Amino acid sequence: MVKRTGLQPSRPRRRRAPPGTAPGTLIGDPGAPPPKIRLIAYGPDQIVEREIQNLDDLKPLGSFPVTWVNVDGLGHVETIARLGQIFSLHPLALEDAVNVHQRAKVDIYPEHLFIVARMLRGSDRLETEQVSLFVGEGCLLTLQEHIPGDVFDPVRERLRSGRGRVRAAGPAYLAYALLDAVVDQYFPVLETTGERLESLETYVIENPSRDTATMIQRTKRDLLTLRRSIWPLREMLGTLAREPCPLISEDDRPYFRDCYDHTIQVMDLVENYRELGAGLTDIYLSSINNRMNEVMKVLTIFASIFIPLNFIAGVYGMNFDTRVSPHNMPELEWYWGYAYALGLMLLVVVGLLVFFWHRGWLGERRRADRVPGKEGGGGSA
């Protein structure tokens, strides 16, 4: 893990086009390596999977109903522009795919369907990355921000094994399967967050320390990240489930509605956990205040005890001459005068402690609990 010092940014800055840039301009990273491109072409009876080293080898496979091309890495502008030419992508959609600060959305173009989603990444801190899907006739192009790592491995395994209807369906169903994998990834993260909140609730009550406050704040930040990702994702899937689109058949539309229902469940969990996190903050502040009150109470008790002791010591510390007058502190001439002063101090301390305990300031007094309506103890014989 890289240690951050000073004003060093906690995450890499996302690429944005300068103000006034012409629409469709692709902004990349000059030092970025070529992306990793993987092709999967399949039909009901067969499947071909290979990595693409040269874009000239990326040609439509006529014998396969569906071709899925996955691209990991968006910094190499020349490769992304070449892919846009091969798949006849709209320049505005391609620009949004490269500028990875987009929120989840869907744009319907005559030649293809452009979908943007936010995918969770497993790391020390909760982060999301942009995934762009271009759905066309017989083809699906996915562009991912990072190299490597995604949540699509279960979908790839289903394609290889032929389980389900993914091999018999078109690219729209494959897009649904990928989006469903993106949404399902939120559930284990939320389950972990819920367990963390339950543990924090115990820590907040028993040990409201600075580390506990940091964990609460980190959890609330993670929930805010989840909310920012899932809210537009829900709107996007709602559009796919309701709006007519020639690339989505009526047979595939119920699956998008099911994925939309999953986002509703995720959103409900996020909102519930956010309310619980806000409640933990209130409990933490109350616990800190209660602890401070306990400390102030102890200090006040000690101060209250030493005030009369200081008074007694101050009285017997006055330098009155007993030879001038018999009324000038005759206790100084007593044989047991010193023991008398110490005993008086001890009596004052014990008396104050008994008084404080009687008032309940040193702890709860044990009182006999009486049930209303049954005062007097025993029942009738």
Foldseek 3Di string as FASTA:
>chain_A
DDDDDDPPDPDDDFDDDPPPDDALDAAADPPDDAWWKKKWFAALPDIDIDTDPDCVPPDDDVVGQAMEMETAAQRPPVVLVVVCVRQVNDSNLSNCLNRWPDAWAWDADPFWIKTKAWAWDDDPATDTTIWIWTGGRRYIYIYTHHPDDGQCVVVVVCRVVVPDCPNHDGVVLVVLVRLLSRLVVLVVVLVVLVVLLVVLLVCLQVPLDPVSVVSLVRSLVNLVNVLRRLVVVLVRLVCQLPPDGPSADPVRSVSSVVSSVSSVVSNVSSVVSNVSSVVSVVSNVVNVVVVVVLVVLVVVLVVVLVVVVVVLVVQVVDDDDCVVDVPNPVLVVDPCSVVVSVVVSVVSNVVSVVVCVVVQSVHDDDDDDDDPPPPPPDDDD
